[in-house]
Each structure stands twice: as structure tokens, then as C-alpha cells.
Amino acid sequence: MKTFFYLLSFLLLLVAGSCQQIGQQKVVYLAHTLPTSHPVHRGMEVFAQQVLEKSGGKLAVKIFPDGQLGSEREVLELLQIGSIAMTKVSAAAMANFAPEYQVMGVPYLFRDKAHLFDVLEGKTGEAMLEAGSEYLLRGLCFYDAGSRSFYTKNKPLQTPDDLRGMKIRVMSHQMSVDMVNEMGGSATPMAYGELYTALQQGVVDGAENNPPSFVTSGHYEVCKYYTLDEHSSIPDVLVIGTKYWDTLNAAEQSWLKEAAKISAVAEKQFWQEDVEASMAKLKAANVRIIYPDKALFAEKTKAVLEAFIQDPRMKKLVEEIQAQ
């Protein structure tokens, strides 16, 4: 309730709209939850710069980072009612609104990063971005959010069997829960903000995330084993509410789409640089990096895929991705 009134007050200060008209310039509001140091935020800065340049100053993007306007789900809901124009969220969050996005969480569905972006930047990815329009949330592009891997406190993970008896923190995401449980671990959904203390106190034995998040969270100070099994690669999505999108003319829509594509290319480079810096920091902090046989982990998660493709629509989508 407190968050609601904060959002309401803030939006009223912004004239309760998803954009402002300042002279001849239209200003679009883009809200997200990441810090300004994050490579995805830096990608959105490129997006804002490109929109300004392509529109000749007629269209500008104002970014509100650090969760200033609410959580991922709260901001998505504000997009749906037209109170905010744009946001950046995880594809896992979009899956709560547009079912097609669930496929991103299927473990080991993508063979490697090249395959992932062949799919995301091709016809399949474009169809997925547009599918959200049915739920008033149109995707403009995908941003690289890396691959998630396990990190643990007391012992290294060489094979999935090493997960037996271990409590592993996961997102509140059913497929992530099922994945860890199928591997033999005990999946423990928990708020991200509570995880550092939970690791310190032994409430959980480990967690899973990408290298930049492992570093920026400080979890590497507690967990000294990082197993690069790369079980899932869930991208971020730049989203615009269709209520706002439909108010734009063809030129304005074109500026946003072109700027989004350019920003996605830049963000991938930012992400790679951040991964390299994060891995160097982990090694300097004496974190043991383990390169396991991924096939062993993939074999253990086949049941997750089998359950997912019981839905004929999802089966067709998975087959389409596997054929690429």
C-alpha cells in the first residue's frame, strides 16, 4: 500500500502521464529496477541517445533507474494502464503476462550464446516481442543478461549429484524450482535482498546467477565456489506499453524501433566487458571457478522440458527453437 501511494504521488508530479510535451519535444518515461552502473542500464542510455538523434530532438527518453517507480511487476502494470511508457524487465517477469516468454527459462534449451541470439534476433524472437501486445506490453528488443550458474559456500559442485542435500536459493519461478529439484538439490525461493544474510547464516548453501550479479551482490565474499554449468540464459526485454505505442505516429515508432536495435548491439558489448571484469575480480578474490561437464546437468533436467512441452503451443515453440 505504501508503494502504491508513493507511485501515485510521483506520477501526479509527472502530470500523471507516460510522457510530457516540452515545447516541440515529447519526453518518454522509461522506468527500471537496475543501478546506473549496470551494463543493461548503459544499453538503455544508448537507446535514449539514439532516440534523441534519430528524432532530431523531437523525441527524448527520460530514464528512472533503481526501482524509483516500483518493482518489475508494478511498473509493467503501470505500462498496461498507460501511466508509464516504457520499462526493462527480465523475460521471466514477462512470462507472468505473456506465456510465450516462459520458454526462455527452459534449462539448456539454447546450445550456446550464438544460438540464443540467432533465435532472439530472428523471426522467433520478433514474434515473441509482438506476442506481448495481446497483454498491452510490446517488446522492442532483447538485452543480454548472461547465463545463470551455481555458486556455493561449503563445497564445490562438479556434477549434479553434488547438489544432493543442498539448499539452493532460486527466483520465485516455478521452472527454476523444478530444475534444481530435478538435479537433486532443494530449491529455496527467496527474495534477492535477503540472500546475502541467508548465505552467511547457512539458511541456504548456495544460489545461482550470472557473474556480474554474483560480484555486485557481494555473494562471492561468502561463496568461494562458482560452477559454470550455465543452466539457463534468460534475457532482459525492453518493453513499451501498447496504450502509449498506439498514440505514436509511424515516424516516432520507427525511431524507437531503430534505436532499440542499436542499443541491443551496444549492450551486448557492455555485458561481455562486465563479465570479463567480474571473472577477473572473482579470481583475485580466490573464488574457485569450476568448469563442469554441462551434459551431466542437462541430462538431469530433461523432465523439466518434458513437462513444459505438454502444452502443444509450447511444444511447437520449443521445436522451432531447436530447429534453428
C-alpha atoms as a PDB file:
ATOM      1  CA  MET A   1       0.000   0.000   0.000  1.00  0.00           C
ATOM      2  CA  LYS A   2       2.883   2.347   0.867  1.00  0.00           C
ATOM      3  CA  THR A   3       4.460   1.638  -2.533  1.00  0.00           C
ATOM      4  CA  PHE A   4       1.153   2.367  -4.240  1.00  0.00           C
ATOM      5  CA  PHE A   5       0.831   5.805  -2.669  1.00  0.00           C
ATOM      6  CA  TYR A   6       4.467   6.592  -3.456  1.00  0.00           C
ATOM      7  CA  LEU A   7       3.902   5.669  -7.084  1.00  0.00           C
ATOM      8  CA  LEU A   8       0.678   7.616  -7.240  1.00  0.00           C
ATOM      9  CA  SER A   9       2.262  10.738  -5.755  1.00  0.00           C
ATOM     10  CA  PHE A  10       5.238  10.533  -8.086  1.00  0.00           C
ATOM     11  CA  LEU A  11       3.075  10.042 -11.132  1.00  0.00           C
ATOM     12  CA  LEU A  12       0.898  13.004 -10.187  1.00  0.00           C
ATOM     13  CA  LEU A  13       4.035  15.129 -10.047  1.00  0.00           C
ATOM     14  CA  LEU A  14       4.751  13.960 -13.586  1.00  0.00           C
ATOM     15  CA  VAL A  15       1.289  15.097 -14.658  1.00  0.00           C
ATOM     16  CA  ALA A  16       0.062  11.527 -14.346  1.00  0.00           C
ATOM     17  CA  GLY A  17       1.128  10.654 -17.868  1.00  0.00           C
ATOM     18  CA  SER A  18       3.533   8.379 -19.671  1.00  0.00           C
ATOM     19  CA  CYS A  19       5.241  11.347 -21.331  1.00  0.00           C
ATOM     20  CA  GLN A  20       5.428  15.122 -21.325  1.00  0.00           C
ATOM     21  CA  GLN A  21       5.325  17.661 -24.112  1.00  0.00           C
ATOM     22  CA  ILE A  22       8.039  20.271 -23.573  1.00  0.00           C
ATOM     23  CA  GLY A  23       7.792  22.792 -26.362  1.00  0.00           C
ATOM     24  CA  GLN A  24       8.177  20.780 -29.565  1.00  0.00           C
ATOM     25  CA  GLN A  25       9.842  17.867 -27.729  1.00  0.00           C
ATOM     26  CA  LYS A  26       7.972  14.819 -26.470  1.00  0.00           C
ATOM     27  CA  VAL A  27       9.586  13.154 -23.417  1.00  0.00           C
ATOM     28  CA  VAL A  28       9.042   9.430 -22.863  1.00  0.00           C
ATOM     29  CA  TYR A  29       9.376   7.930 -19.359  1.00  0.00           C
ATOM     30  CA  LEU A  30      11.369   4.687 -19.049  1.00  0.00           C
ATOM     31  CA  ALA A  31      11.488   3.100 -15.561  1.00  0.00           C
ATOM     32  CA  HIS A  32      13.518   0.082 -14.432  1.00  0.00           C
ATOM     33  CA  THR A  33      15.000  -1.506 -11.293  1.00  0.00           C
ATOM     34  CA  LEU A  34      18.733  -1.657 -12.106  1.00  0.00           C
ATOM     35  CA  PRO A  35      21.537   0.587 -10.784  1.00  0.00           C
ATOM     36  CA  THR A  36      23.105   3.063 -13.185  1.00  0.00           C
ATOM     37  CA  SER A  37      26.379   1.098 -13.200  1.00  0.00           C
ATOM     38  CA  HIS A  38      24.672  -1.958 -14.725  1.00  0.00           C
ATOM     39  CA  PRO A  39      25.506  -2.811 -18.378  1.00  0.00           C
ATOM     40  CA  VAL A  40      21.794  -3.067 -19.228  1.00  0.00           C
ATOM     41  CA  HIS A  41      21.223   0.460 -17.928  1.00  0.00           C
ATOM     42  CA  ARG A  42      24.135   1.613 -20.063  1.00  0.00           C
ATOM     43  CA  GLY A  43      22.420  -0.036 -23.027  1.00  0.00           C
ATOM     44  CA  MET A  44      19.287   1.972 -22.276  1.00  0.00           C
ATOM     45  CA  GLU A  45      21.370   5.142 -22.185  1.00  0.00           C
ATOM     46  CA  VAL A  46      22.450   4.332 -25.754  1.00  0.00           C
ATOM     47  CA  PHE A  47      18.768   3.822 -26.591  1.00  0.00           C
ATOM     48  CA  ALA A  48      17.884   7.278 -25.212  1.00  0.00           C
ATOM     49  CA  GLN A  49      20.780   8.890 -27.091  1.00  0.00           C
ATOM     50  CA  GLN A  50      19.770   7.226 -30.361  1.00  0.00           C
ATOM     51  CA  VAL A  51      16.116   8.268 -29.993  1.00  0.00           C
ATOM     52  CA  LEU A  52      17.170  11.877 -29.489  1.00  0.00           C
ATOM     53  CA  GLU A  53      19.489  11.794 -32.509  1.00  0.00           C
ATOM     54  CA  LYS A  54      17.116   9.975 -34.857  1.00  0.00           C
ATOM     55  CA  SER A  55      14.215  12.261 -33.997  1.00  0.00           C
ATOM     56  CA  GLY A  56      16.273  15.425 -34.365  1.00  0.00           C
ATOM     57  CA  GLY A  57      15.395  16.295 -30.782  1.00  0.00           C
ATOM     58  CA  LYS A  58      11.649  15.852 -31.240  1.00  0.00           C
ATOM     59  CA  LEU A  59      11.515  12.746 -29.034  1.00  0.00           C
ATOM     60  CA  ALA A  60      13.508  12.230 -25.818  1.00  0.00           C
ATOM     61  CA  VAL A  61      13.671   9.402 -23.276  1.00  0.00           C
ATOM     62  CA  LYS A  62      13.924  10.113 -19.540  1.00  0.00           C
ATOM     63  CA  ILE A  63      15.192   7.119 -17.552  1.00  0.00           C
ATOM     64  CA  PHE A  64      14.191   6.404 -13.942  1.00  0.00           C
ATOM     65  CA  PRO A  65      16.586   3.674 -12.630  1.00  0.00           C
ATOM     66  CA  ASP A  66      16.975   1.926  -9.257  1.00  0.00           C
ATOM     67  CA  GLY A  67      13.316   0.980  -8.856  1.00  0.00           C
ATOM     68  CA  GLN A  68      12.275   4.611  -8.355  1.00  0.00           C
ATOM     69  CA  LEU A  69       8.816   3.868  -9.762  1.00  0.00           C
ATOM     70  CA  GLY A  70       8.374   0.361  -8.345  1.00  0.00           C
ATOM     71  CA  SER A  71       9.237  -3.296  -8.856  1.00  0.00           C
ATOM     72  CA  GLU A  72       9.310  -5.019 -12.252  1.00  0.00           C
ATOM     73  CA  ARG A  73       5.742  -6.253 -11.898  1.00  0.00           C
ATOM     74  CA  GLU A  74       4.440  -2.916 -10.587  1.00  0.00           C
ATOM     75  CA  VAL A  75       5.972  -0.992 -13.482  1.00  0.00           C
ATOM     76  CA  LEU A  76       4.628  -3.494 -16.035  1.00  0.00           C
ATOM     77  CA  GLU A  77       1.160  -2.926 -14.611  1.00  0.00           C
ATOM     78  CA  LEU A  78       1.665   0.838 -14.903  1.00  0.00           C
ATOM     79  CA  LEU A  79       2.572   0.329 -18.565  1.00  0.00           C
ATOM     80  CA  GLN A  80      -0.651  -1.593 -19.092  1.00  0.00           C
ATOM     81  CA  ILE A  81      -2.757   1.323 -17.860  1.00  0.00           C
ATOM     82  CA  GLY A  82      -0.660   3.895 -19.711  1.00  0.00           C
ATOM     83  CA  SER A  83       0.808   5.698 -16.683  1.00  0.00           C
ATOM     84  CA  ILE A  84       4.403   4.973 -17.770  1.00  0.00           C
ATOM     85  CA  ALA A  85       5.520   4.454 -21.360  1.00  0.00           C
ATOM     86  CA  MET A  86       8.444   2.022 -21.101  1.00  0.00           C
ATOM     87  CA  THR A  87      10.431  -0.336 -18.897  1.00  0.00           C
ATOM     88  CA  LYS A  88      13.117  -3.017 -18.933  1.00  0.00           C
ATOM     89  CA  VAL A  89      12.295  -6.313 -17.259  1.00  0.00           C
ATOM     90  CA  SER A  90      13.512  -9.890 -17.172  1.00  0.00           C
ATOM     91  CA  ALA A  91      11.865 -12.248 -19.629  1.00  0.00           C
ATOM     92  CA  ALA A  92      10.935 -14.251 -16.501  1.00  0.00           C
ATOM     93  CA  ALA A  93       8.771 -11.301 -15.372  1.00  0.00           C
ATOM     94  CA  MET A  94       7.218 -11.011 -18.834  1.00  0.00           C
ATOM     95  CA  ALA A  95       6.264 -14.698 -18.630  1.00  0.00           C
ATOM     96  CA  ASN A  96       3.687 -13.729 -15.988  1.00  0.00           C
ATOM     97  CA  PHE A  97       1.892 -11.699 -18.645  1.00  0.00           C
ATOM     98  CA  ALA A  98       2.740 -13.352 -21.987  1.00  0.00           C
ATOM     99  CA  PRO A  99       3.098 -17.179 -21.752  1.00  0.00           C
ATOM    100  CA  GLU A 100       5.456 -17.415 -24.743  1.00  0.00           C
ATOM    101  CA  TYR A 101       8.252 -15.919 -22.646  1.00  0.00           C
ATOM    102  CA  GLN A 102       8.231 -18.992 -20.387  1.00  0.00           C
ATOM    103  CA  VAL A 103      10.341 -20.812 -22.972  1.00  0.00           C
ATOM    104  CA  MET A 104      13.344 -18.635 -22.013  1.00  0.00           C
ATOM    105  CA  GLY A 105      13.616 -20.410 -18.673  1.00  0.00           C
ATOM    106  CA  VAL A 106      13.821 -23.959 -20.063  1.00  0.00           C
ATOM    107  CA  PRO A 107      17.232 -25.266 -18.917  1.00  0.00           C
ATOM    108  CA  TYR A 108      19.758 -25.999 -21.656  1.00  0.00           C
ATOM    109  CA  LEU A 109      17.307 -25.194 -24.449  1.00  0.00           C
ATOM    110  CA  PHE A 110      19.866 -22.961 -26.170  1.00  0.00           C
ATOM    111  CA  ARG A 111      23.069 -24.636 -27.347  1.00  0.00           C
ATOM    112  CA  ASP A 112      25.223 -21.560 -26.742  1.00  0.00           C
ATOM    113  CA  LYS A 113      25.044 -17.757 -26.815  1.00  0.00           C
ATOM    114  CA  ALA A 114      25.231 -17.642 -30.619  1.00  0.00           C
ATOM    115  CA  HIS A 115      22.161 -19.903 -30.831  1.00  0.00           C
ATOM    116  CA  LEU A 116      20.347 -17.801 -28.230  1.00  0.00           C
ATOM    117  CA  PHE A 117      20.775 -14.581 -30.183  1.00  0.00           C
ATOM    118  CA  ASP A 118      20.087 -16.228 -33.530  1.00  0.00           C
ATOM    119  CA  VAL A 119      16.682 -17.029 -32.044  1.00  0.00           C
ATOM    120  CA  LEU A 120      16.118 -13.727 -30.235  1.00  0.00           C
ATOM    121  CA  GLU A 121      17.117 -11.564 -33.185  1.00  0.00           C
ATOM    122  CA  GLY A 122      15.338 -13.673 -35.789  1.00  0.00           C
ATOM    123  CA  LYS A 123      11.697 -14.359 -36.655  1.00  0.00           C
ATOM    124  CA  THR A 124      11.047 -16.332 -33.452  1.00  0.00           C
ATOM    125  CA  GLY A 125      12.252 -13.521 -31.229  1.00  0.00           C
ATOM    126  CA  GLU A 126      10.356 -10.898 -33.208  1.00  0.00           C
ATOM    127  CA  ALA A 127       7.145 -12.903 -32.895  1.00  0.00           C
ATOM    128  CA  MET A 128       7.691 -13.225 -29.160  1.00  0.00           C
ATOM    129  CA  LEU A 129       8.206  -9.476 -28.752  1.00  0.00           C
ATOM    130  CA  GLU A 130       4.987  -8.789 -30.631  1.00  0.00           C
ATOM    131  CA  ALA A 131       3.057 -11.510 -28.751  1.00  0.00           C
ATOM    132  CA  GLY A 132       3.139  -9.354 -25.639  1.00  0.00           C
ATOM    133  CA  SER A 133       0.923  -6.805 -27.406  1.00  0.00           C
ATOM    134  CA  GLU A 134      -2.054  -9.028 -26.626  1.00  0.00           C
ATOM    135  CA  TYR A 135      -1.346  -8.198 -22.983  1.00  0.00           C
ATOM    136  CA  LEU A 136      -0.724  -4.469 -23.702  1.00  0.00           C
ATOM    137  CA  LEU A 137       3.068  -4.954 -23.479  1.00  0.00           C
ATOM    138  CA  ARG A 138       5.015  -4.741 -26.736  1.00  0.00           C
ATOM    139  CA  GLY A 139       8.694  -5.777 -26.732  1.00  0.00           C
ATOM    140  CA  LEU A 140      11.184  -3.679 -28.692  1.00  0.00           C
ATOM    141  CA  CYS A 141      14.366  -5.734 -28.246  1.00  0.00           C
ATOM    142  CA  PHE A 142      16.163  -8.269 -26.065  1.00  0.00           C
ATOM    143  CA  TYR A 143      19.184  -7.404 -23.928  1.00  0.00           C
ATOM    144  CA  ASP A 144      21.875  -9.882 -22.942  1.00  0.00           C
ATOM    145  CA  ALA A 145      21.538 -10.884 -19.273  1.00  0.00           C
ATOM    146  CA  GLY A 146      24.118 -13.660 -19.367  1.00  0.00           C
ATOM    147  CA  SER A 147      23.860 -17.247 -18.209  1.00  0.00           C
ATOM    148  CA  ARG A 148      22.996 -18.402 -14.712  1.00  0.00           C
ATOM    149  CA  SER A 149      25.315 -20.798 -12.869  1.00  0.00           C
ATOM    150  CA  PHE A 150      25.585 -22.199  -9.340  1.00  0.00           C
ATOM    151  CA  TYR A 151      27.710 -20.746  -6.560  1.00  0.00           C
ATOM    152  CA  THR A 152      28.109 -22.488  -3.212  1.00  0.00           C
ATOM    153  CA  LYS A 153      29.534 -21.846   0.217  1.00  0.00           C
ATOM    154  CA  ASN A 154      30.966 -25.043   1.659  1.00  0.00           C
ATOM    155  CA  LYS A 155      31.733 -27.404  -1.202  1.00  0.00           C
ATOM    156  CA  PRO A 156      32.267 -27.306  -4.964  1.00  0.00           C
ATOM    157  CA  LEU A 157      29.792 -28.717  -7.475  1.00  0.00           C
ATOM    158  CA  GLN A 158      31.451 -30.960 -10.028  1.00  0.00           C
ATOM    159  CA  THR A 159      28.320 -32.916 -11.022  1.00  0.00           C
ATOM    160  CA  PRO A 160      24.579 -32.617 -10.331  1.00  0.00           C
ATOM    161  CA  ASP A 161      24.940 -35.344  -7.695  1.00  0.00           C
ATOM    162  CA  ASP A 162      26.896 -32.865  -5.562  1.00  0.00           C
ATOM    163  CA  LEU A 163      23.666 -30.872  -5.156  1.00  0.00           C
ATOM    164  CA  ARG A 164      22.064 -33.604  -3.062  1.00  0.00           C
ATOM    165  CA  GLY A 165      21.071 -32.302   0.340  1.00  0.00           C
ATOM    166  CA  MET A 166      21.950 -28.715  -0.556  1.00  0.00           C
ATOM    167  CA  LYS A 167      19.515 -25.820  -0.196  1.00  0.00           C
ATOM    168  CA  ILE A 168      19.843 -23.579  -3.260  1.00  0.00           C
ATOM    169  CA  ARG A 169      18.189 -20.184  -3.467  1.00  0.00           C
ATOM    170  CA  VAL A 170      16.228 -19.635  -6.688  1.00  0.00           C
ATOM    171  CA  MET A 171      13.927 -16.939  -8.042  1.00  0.00           C
ATOM    172  CA  SER A 172      10.225 -17.256  -7.328  1.00  0.00           C
ATOM    173  CA  HIS A 173       9.901 -19.002 -10.685  1.00  0.00           C
ATOM    174  CA  GLN A 174       8.404 -22.496 -10.921  1.00  0.00           C
ATOM    175  CA  MET A 175      10.707 -23.704 -13.671  1.00  0.00           C
ATOM    176  CA  SER A 176      13.773 -22.717 -11.627  1.00  0.00           C
ATOM    177  CA  VAL A 177      12.365 -24.587  -8.637  1.00  0.00           C
ATOM    178  CA  ASP A 178      11.703 -27.693 -10.716  1.00  0.00           C
ATOM    179  CA  MET A 179      15.158 -27.532 -12.307  1.00  0.00           C
ATOM    180  CA  VAL A 180      17.066 -27.530  -9.003  1.00  0.00           C
ATOM    181  CA  ASN A 181      14.850 -30.225  -7.522  1.00  0.00           C
ATOM    182  CA  GLU A 182      15.341 -32.458 -10.578  1.00  0.00           C
ATOM    183  CA  MET A 183      19.101 -32.068 -10.192  1.00  0.00           C
ATOM    184  CA  GLY A 184      18.816 -33.366  -6.630  1.00  0.00           C
ATOM    185  CA  GLY A 185      19.040 -30.120  -4.714  1.00  0.00           C
ATOM    186  CA  SER A 186      16.427 -28.487  -2.518  1.00  0.00           C
ATOM    187  CA  ALA A 187      15.162 -25.353  -4.285  1.00  0.00           C
ATOM    188  CA  THR A 188      14.518 -22.473  -1.890  1.00  0.00           C
ATOM    189  CA  PRO A 189      12.716 -19.437  -3.343  1.00  0.00           C
ATOM    190  CA  MET A 190      13.791 -16.290  -1.533  1.00  0.00           C
ATOM    191  CA  ALA A 191      13.866 -12.535  -2.085  1.00  0.00           C
ATOM    192  CA  TYR A 192      17.177 -11.447  -3.590  1.00  0.00           C
ATOM    193  CA  GLY A 193      17.689  -8.798  -0.911  1.00  0.00           C
ATOM    194  CA  GLU A 194      17.618 -11.444   1.819  1.00  0.00           C
ATOM    195  CA  LEU A 195      20.146 -13.754   0.189  1.00  0.00           C
ATOM    196  CA  TYR A 196      23.454 -12.356   1.472  1.00  0.00           C
ATOM    197  CA  THR A 197      22.423 -12.814   5.104  1.00  0.00           C
ATOM    198  CA  ALA A 198      20.875 -16.217   4.349  1.00  0.00           C
ATOM    199  CA  LEU A 199      24.186 -17.389   2.878  1.00  0.00           C
ATOM    200  CA  GLN A 200      26.145 -16.047   5.844  1.00  0.00           C
ATOM    201  CA  GLN A 201      23.867 -17.746   8.351  1.00  0.00           C
ATOM    202  CA  GLY A 202      23.634 -21.034   6.470  1.00  0.00           C
ATOM    203  CA  VAL A 203      19.913 -20.742   5.775  1.00  0.00           C
ATOM    204  CA  VAL A 204      20.841 -21.733   2.216  1.00  0.00           C
ATOM    205  CA  ASP A 205      24.000 -23.422   0.937  1.00  0.00           C
ATOM    206  CA  GLY A 206      24.212 -21.581  -2.353  1.00  0.00           C
ATOM    207  CA  ALA A 207      22.399 -19.820  -5.161  1.00  0.00           C
ATOM    208  CA  GLU A 208      22.620 -19.284  -8.926  1.00  0.00           C
ATOM    209  CA  ASN A 209      23.192 -16.219 -11.060  1.00  0.00           C
ATOM    210  CA  ASN A 210      25.383 -14.650 -13.730  1.00  0.00           C
ATOM    211  CA  PRO A 211      28.946 -13.412 -12.981  1.00  0.00           C
ATOM    212  CA  PRO A 212      28.175  -9.645 -12.757  1.00  0.00           C
ATOM    213  CA  SER A 213      25.332 -10.281 -10.315  1.00  0.00           C
ATOM    214  CA  PHE A 214      27.483 -12.685  -8.271  1.00  0.00           C
ATOM    215  CA  VAL A 215      30.035  -9.895  -7.894  1.00  0.00           C
ATOM    216  CA  THR A 216      27.836  -6.810  -7.429  1.00  0.00           C
ATOM    217  CA  SER A 217      25.740  -8.601  -4.797  1.00  0.00           C
ATOM    218  CA  GLY A 218      28.869  -9.343  -2.752  1.00  0.00           C
ATOM    219  CA  HIS A 219      27.857 -13.011  -2.571  1.00  0.00           C
ATOM    220  CA  TYR A 220      31.359 -14.001  -3.685  1.00  0.00           C
ATOM    221  CA  GLU A 221      32.564 -12.829  -0.263  1.00  0.00           C
ATOM    222  CA  VAL A 222      30.665 -15.754   1.266  1.00  0.00           C
ATOM    223  CA  CYS A 223      30.577 -18.328  -1.530  1.00  0.00           C
ATOM    224  CA  LYS A 224      34.012 -19.395  -2.754  1.00  0.00           C
ATOM    225  CA  TYR A 225      32.915 -21.962  -5.373  1.00  0.00           C
ATOM    226  CA  TYR A 226      31.437 -20.987  -8.743  1.00  0.00           C
ATOM    227  CA  THR A 227      30.369 -23.792 -11.083  1.00  0.00           C
ATOM    228  CA  LEU A 228      29.855 -22.522 -14.632  1.00  0.00           C
ATOM    229  CA  ASP A 229      27.177 -25.002 -15.664  1.00  0.00           C
ATOM    230  CA  GLU A 230      25.213 -22.171 -17.399  1.00  0.00           C
ATOM    231  CA  HIS A 231      21.859 -23.892 -16.984  1.00  0.00           C
ATOM    232  CA  SER A 232      19.699 -21.034 -18.258  1.00  0.00           C
ATOM    233  CA  SER A 233      20.053 -17.823 -20.264  1.00  0.00           C
ATOM    234  CA  ILE A 234      17.064 -15.609 -19.535  1.00  0.00           C
ATOM    235  CA  PRO A 235      17.408 -12.272 -21.384  1.00  0.00           C
ATOM    236  CA  ASP A 236      16.054  -8.874 -20.439  1.00  0.00           C
ATOM    237  CA  VAL A 237      13.384  -7.193 -22.550  1.00  0.00           C
ATOM    238  CA  LEU A 238      12.874  -3.533 -23.425  1.00  0.00           C
ATOM    239  CA  VAL A 239       9.099  -3.063 -23.308  1.00  0.00           C
ATOM    240  CA  ILE A 240       6.684  -0.312 -24.285  1.00  0.00           C
ATOM    241  CA  GLY A 241       3.027  -0.213 -23.261  1.00  0.00           C
ATOM    242  CA  THR A 242       0.688  -0.511 -26.232  1.00  0.00           C
ATOM    243  CA  LYS A 243      -1.526   2.238 -24.800  1.00  0.00           C
ATOM    244  CA  TYR A 244       1.390   4.612 -25.352  1.00  0.00           C
ATOM    245  CA  TRP A 245       2.682   2.936 -28.523  1.00  0.00           C
ATOM    246  CA  ASP A 246      -0.669   3.419 -30.243  1.00  0.00           C
ATOM    247  CA  THR A 247      -0.502   7.194 -29.634  1.00  0.00           C
ATOM    248  CA  LEU A 248       2.727   7.471 -31.653  1.00  0.00           C
ATOM    249  CA  ASN A 249       2.868   8.207 -35.347  1.00  0.00           C
ATOM    250  CA  ALA A 250       4.761   5.962 -37.781  1.00  0.00           C
ATOM    251  CA  ALA A 251       7.938   8.070 -37.657  1.00  0.00           C
ATOM    252  CA  GLU A 252       8.036   8.043 -33.847  1.00  0.00           C
ATOM    253  CA  GLN A 253       7.520   4.278 -33.755  1.00  0.00           C
ATOM    254  CA  SER A 254      10.307   3.839 -36.288  1.00  0.00           C
ATOM    255  CA  TRP A 255      12.725   5.958 -34.230  1.00  0.00           C
ATOM    256  CA  LEU A 256      12.083   3.821 -31.159  1.00  0.00           C
ATOM    257  CA  LYS A 257      12.473   0.510 -33.010  1.00  0.00           C
ATOM    258  CA  GLU A 258      15.687   1.555 -34.734  1.00  0.00           C
ATOM    259  CA  ALA A 259      17.160   2.949 -31.506  1.00  0.00           C
ATOM    260  CA  ALA A 260      16.275  -0.248 -29.644  1.00  0.00           C
ATOM    261  CA  LYS A 261      18.151  -2.431 -32.159  1.00  0.00           C
ATOM    262  CA  ILE A 262      21.267  -0.253 -31.949  1.00  0.00           C
ATOM    263  CA  SER A 263      21.138  -0.238 -28.140  1.00  0.00           C
ATOM    264  CA  ALA A 264      20.885  -4.051 -28.065  1.00  0.00           C
ATOM    265  CA  VAL A 265      24.143  -4.341 -30.017  1.00  0.00           C
ATOM    266  CA  ALA A 266      25.883  -1.902 -27.663  1.00  0.00           C
ATOM    267  CA  GLU A 267      24.515  -3.619 -24.564  1.00  0.00           C
ATOM    268  CA  LYS A 268      25.923  -6.998 -25.609  1.00  0.00           C
ATOM    269  CA  GLN A 269      29.384  -5.441 -25.720  1.00  0.00           C
ATOM    270  CA  PHE A 270      28.869  -3.759 -22.331  1.00  0.00           C
ATOM    271  CA  TRP A 271      27.732  -7.097 -20.918  1.00  0.00           C
ATOM    272  CA  GLN A 272      30.751  -9.002 -22.215  1.00  0.00           C
ATOM    273  CA  GLU A 273      33.127  -6.413 -20.785  1.00  0.00           C
ATOM    274  CA  ASP A 274      31.350  -6.638 -17.421  1.00  0.00           C
ATOM    275  CA  VAL A 275      31.545 -10.443 -17.407  1.00  0.00           C
ATOM    276  CA  GLU A 276      35.277 -10.339 -18.084  1.00  0.00           C
ATOM    277  CA  ALA A 277      35.843  -7.798 -15.313  1.00  0.00           C
ATOM    278  CA  SER A 278      33.680  -9.809 -12.908  1.00  0.00           C
ATOM    279  CA  MET A 279      35.522 -13.059 -13.599  1.00  0.00           C
ATOM    280  CA  ALA A 280      38.853 -11.311 -13.010  1.00  0.00           C
ATOM    281  CA  LYS A 281      37.566  -9.986  -9.694  1.00  0.00           C
ATOM    282  CA  LEU A 282      36.361 -13.448  -8.632  1.00  0.00           C
ATOM    283  CA  LYS A 283      39.748 -14.989  -9.372  1.00  0.00           C
ATOM    284  CA  ALA A 284      41.509 -12.207  -7.462  1.00  0.00           C
ATOM    285  CA  ALA A 285      39.214 -12.943  -4.504  1.00  0.00           C
ATOM    286  CA  ASN A 286      40.268 -16.628  -4.590  1.00  0.00           C
ATOM    287  CA  VAL A 287      36.898 -17.900  -5.757  1.00  0.00           C
ATOM    288  CA  ARG A 288      37.398 -21.331  -7.292  1.00  0.00           C
ATOM    289  CA  ILE A 289      35.991 -21.430 -10.830  1.00  0.00           C
ATOM    290  CA  ILE A 290      34.760 -24.872 -11.874  1.00  0.00           C
ATOM    291  CA  TYR A 291      34.055 -25.865 -15.493  1.00  0.00           C
ATOM    292  CA  PRO A 292      31.840 -28.974 -15.237  1.00  0.00           C
ATOM    293  CA  ASP A 293      30.540 -31.348 -17.878  1.00  0.00           C
ATOM    294  CA  LYS A 294      27.329 -29.496 -18.762  1.00  0.00           C
ATOM    295  CA  ALA A 295      25.869 -32.603 -20.383  1.00  0.00           C
ATOM    296  CA  LEU A 296      25.512 -34.204 -16.937  1.00  0.00           C
ATOM    297  CA  PHE A 297      23.442 -31.251 -15.703  1.00  0.00           C
ATOM    298  CA  ALA A 298      21.386 -31.108 -18.904  1.00  0.00           C
ATOM    299  CA  GLU A 299      20.532 -34.820 -18.611  1.00  0.00           C
ATOM    300  CA  LYS A 300      19.122 -34.272 -15.119  1.00  0.00           C
ATOM    301  CA  THR A 301      16.759 -31.532 -16.302  1.00  0.00           C
ATOM    302  CA  LYS A 302      15.095 -33.376 -19.186  1.00  0.00           C
ATOM    303  CA  ALA A 303      11.948 -33.880 -17.098  1.00  0.00           C
ATOM    304  CA  VAL A 304      11.512 -30.100 -16.875  1.00  0.00           C
ATOM    305  CA  LEU A 305      11.448 -29.846 -20.669  1.00  0.00           C
ATOM    306  CA  GLU A 306       9.111 -32.844 -20.993  1.00  0.00           C
ATOM    307  CA  ALA A 307       6.625 -31.259 -18.589  1.00  0.00           C
ATOM    308  CA  PHE A 308       6.823 -27.926 -20.399  1.00  0.00           C
ATOM    309  CA  ILE A 309       6.039 -29.324 -23.848  1.00  0.00           C
ATOM    310  CA  GLN A 310       2.839 -30.992 -22.666  1.00  0.00           C
ATOM    311  CA  ASP A 311       1.286 -27.725 -23.812  1.00  0.00           C
ATOM    312  CA  PRO A 312       1.025 -28.109 -27.635  1.00  0.00           C
ATOM    313  CA  ARG A 313       1.694 -24.407 -28.209  1.00  0.00           C
ATOM    314  CA  MET A 314       4.882 -24.542 -26.131  1.00  0.00           C
ATOM    315  CA  LYS A 315       5.961 -27.767 -27.820  1.00  0.00           C
ATOM    316  CA  LYS A 316       5.725 -26.075 -31.210  1.00  0.00           C
ATOM    317  CA  LEU A 317       7.779 -23.113 -29.928  1.00  0.00           C
ATOM    318  CA  VAL A 318      10.488 -25.385 -28.467  1.00  0.00           C
ATOM    319  CA  GLU A 319      10.726 -27.391 -31.714  1.00  0.00           C
ATOM    320  CA  GLU A 320      11.019 -24.153 -33.671  1.00  0.00           C
ATOM    321  CA  ILE A 321      13.915 -23.021 -31.452  1.00  0.00           C
ATOM    322  CA  GLN A 322      15.674 -26.404 -31.544  1.00  0.00           C
ATOM    323  CA  ALA A 323      15.498 -26.454 -35.355  1.00  0.00           C
ATOM    324  CA  GLN A 324      17.449 -23.201 -35.666  1.00  0.00           C
END
